[in-house]
Amino acid sequence: MVDGTPASSVADIVKEASEFGGLVIPPDAKVLDARTDRGIDTSYRIALSTDSAGVNALLTGSGITPPLTRTYHVTVEIIAGPPLATSPSLLETGDRYQRPDGKHVSRDITVDERDQTTRYVHIQLFDT
């Protein structure tokens, strides 16, 4: 169980989100939670725990080329992990991914650098 959601559901959501947004989740990343909302638009949120190599693998494998930049104010609503307000260092990046069917998906990534090795990654995907 992850926050009351069956682990199989979380795994299914991560798989759907990966296909939806062209994400490549590193095998050593720990999925903390994943959620989806399907209404007029479709959105996915994923929270991961990994290290700096895992962050690089996620960005490179997913073809996200804009560099991570330091930020001091993040409006992302996290679904797992420590509160962003307590983070010593926040980075963000994002892009628009063109799916094989021609539709576009916005991909927003926020990285919470807790210490030398711990990274919490918050991913938001949406097709608005």
Protein backbone atom coordinates (compact mmCIF):
# COMPACT_ATOMS: atom_id res chain seq x y z
CA MET A 1 0.00 0.00 0.00
CA VAL A 2 1.13 3.57 -0.73
CA ASP A 3 -0.88 6.13 1.25
CA GLY A 4 -3.91 3.82 1.19
CA THR A 5 -3.62 3.04 -2.53
CA PRO A 6 -2.86 -0.57 -3.48
CA ALA A 7 0.70 -0.91 -4.79
CA SER A 8 -0.57 -2.54 -7.98
CA SER A 9 -2.67 0.57 -8.69
CA VAL A 10 0.37 2.80 -8.13
CA ALA A 11 2.43 0.63 -10.48
CA ASP A 12 -0.35 0.77 -13.08
CA ILE A 13 -0.57 4.56 -12.81
CA VAL A 14 3.22 4.90 -13.20
CA LYS A 15 3.12 2.68 -16.29
CA GLU A 16 0.24 4.71 -17.79
CA ALA A 17 1.98 7.99 -16.95
CA SER A 18 5.23 6.80 -18.51
CA GLU A 19 3.44 5.94 -21.74
CA PHE A 20 1.34 9.13 -21.64
CA GLY A 21 4.30 11.45 -21.11
CA GLY A 22 7.26 9.61 -22.60
CA LEU A 23 8.89 9.12 -19.21
CA VAL A 24 11.64 6.65 -18.44
CA ILE A 25 11.62 6.02 -14.69
CA PRO A 26 15.04 4.78 -13.51
CA PRO A 27 14.86 1.21 -12.18
CA ASP A 28 16.52 2.17 -8.88
CA ALA A 29 14.08 5.03 -8.16
CA LYS A 30 11.55 4.34 -5.42
CA VAL A 31 8.00 5.35 -6.31
CA LEU A 32 6.47 7.06 -3.28
CA ASP A 33 3.04 7.64 -4.82
CA ALA A 34 1.31 8.15 -8.15
CA ARG A 35 -2.08 9.64 -8.95
CA THR A 36 -4.13 10.44 -11.99
CA ASP A 37 -7.08 12.65 -12.78
CA ARG A 38 -9.11 12.11 -15.89
CA GLY A 39 -11.73 14.69 -16.67
CA ILE A 40 -11.82 17.03 -19.62
CA ASP A 41 -8.02 16.88 -19.43
CA THR A 42 -5.75 14.08 -18.28
CA SER A 43 -3.09 14.61 -15.63
CA TYR A 44 -0.65 12.44 -13.74
CA ARG A 45 1.43 13.15 -10.64
CA ILE A 46 4.30 10.94 -9.52
CA ALA A 47 6.60 11.30 -6.51
CA LEU A 48 9.94 9.47 -6.52
CA SER A 49 12.91 9.09 -4.22
CA THR A 50 16.28 8.64 -5.89
CA ASP A 51 19.81 10.04 -6.00
CA SER A 52 21.44 12.54 -8.39
CA ALA A 53 22.31 9.77 -10.87
CA GLY A 54 18.64 8.72 -10.86
CA VAL A 55 17.54 12.29 -11.58
CA ASN A 56 19.98 12.46 -14.50
CA ALA A 57 18.78 9.08 -15.80
CA LEU A 58 15.15 10.25 -15.62
CA LEU A 59 15.84 13.48 -17.50
CA THR A 60 18.13 11.94 -20.12
CA GLY A 61 16.03 8.81 -20.68
CA SER A 62 12.87 10.91 -21.01
CA GLY A 63 14.50 13.35 -23.44
CA ILE A 64 14.00 16.34 -21.14
CA THR A 65 16.70 18.74 -22.29
CA PRO A 66 16.07 22.06 -20.50
CA PRO A 67 18.49 22.16 -17.58
CA LEU A 68 17.40 22.06 -13.97
CA THR A 69 17.41 25.58 -12.55
CA ARG A 70 17.29 26.72 -8.96
CA THR A 71 13.98 28.05 -7.77
CA TYR A 72 12.79 29.54 -4.52
CA HIS A 73 9.06 29.35 -5.01
CA VAL A 74 7.26 26.26 -6.23
CA THR A 75 3.52 26.02 -6.69
CA VAL A 76 3.46 22.27 -7.27
CA GLU A 77 1.21 20.31 -4.90
CA ILE A 78 3.21 17.32 -3.71
CA ILE A 79 1.62 13.93 -3.12
CA ALA A 80 4.43 12.31 -1.10
CA GLY A 81 7.77 13.16 0.48
CA PRO A 82 8.73 15.97 2.84
CA PRO A 83 7.16 19.43 2.47
CA LEU A 84 8.93 21.53 -0.15
CA ALA A 85 8.96 24.49 2.26
CA THR A 86 11.58 22.63 4.32
CA SER A 87 13.87 21.87 1.37
CA PRO A 88 17.39 23.29 1.44
CA SER A 89 17.50 23.30 -2.38
CA LEU A 90 14.80 23.19 -5.05
CA LEU A 91 15.35 22.76 -8.77
CA GLU A 92 12.85 22.64 -11.62
CA THR A 93 12.59 21.99 -15.33
CA GLY A 94 9.94 21.10 -17.82
CA ASP A 95 9.04 20.83 -21.46
CA ARG A 96 6.30 19.87 -23.90
CA TYR A 97 6.47 16.32 -25.18
CA GLN A 98 4.94 15.35 -28.50
CA ARG A 99 3.35 11.93 -28.26
CA PRO A 100 3.39 9.46 -31.17
CA ASP A 101 -0.30 10.30 -31.78
CA GLY A 102 0.64 13.97 -32.33
CA LYS A 103 -0.82 15.26 -29.05
CA HIS A 104 1.29 17.32 -26.66
CA VAL A 105 1.90 16.74 -22.95
CA SER A 106 3.35 19.32 -20.59
CA ARG A 107 5.97 17.79 -18.29
CA ASP A 108 6.93 19.66 -15.12
CA ILE A 109 9.69 18.28 -12.89
CA THR A 110 10.57 19.59 -9.42
CA VAL A 111 13.61 18.18 -7.62
CA ASP A 112 13.97 18.55 -3.86
CA GLU A 113 17.67 18.14 -2.99
CA ARG A 114 17.61 17.08 0.65
CA ASP A 115 21.30 16.24 1.10
CA GLN A 116 24.31 14.99 -0.87
CA THR A 117 22.53 11.80 -1.96
CA THR A 118 18.77 12.13 -1.43
CA ARG A 119 16.50 13.58 -4.11
CA TYR A 120 12.72 13.71 -4.08
CA VAL A 121 11.37 14.13 -7.60
CA HIS A 122 7.87 15.46 -8.21
CA ILE A 123 6.53 14.94 -11.73
CA GLN A 124 3.39 16.50 -13.18
CA LEU A 125 2.10 15.58 -16.62
CA PHE A 126 -0.95 17.11 -18.25
CA ASP A 127 -2.40 17.53 -21.73
CA THR A 128 -4.10 20.91 -21.35
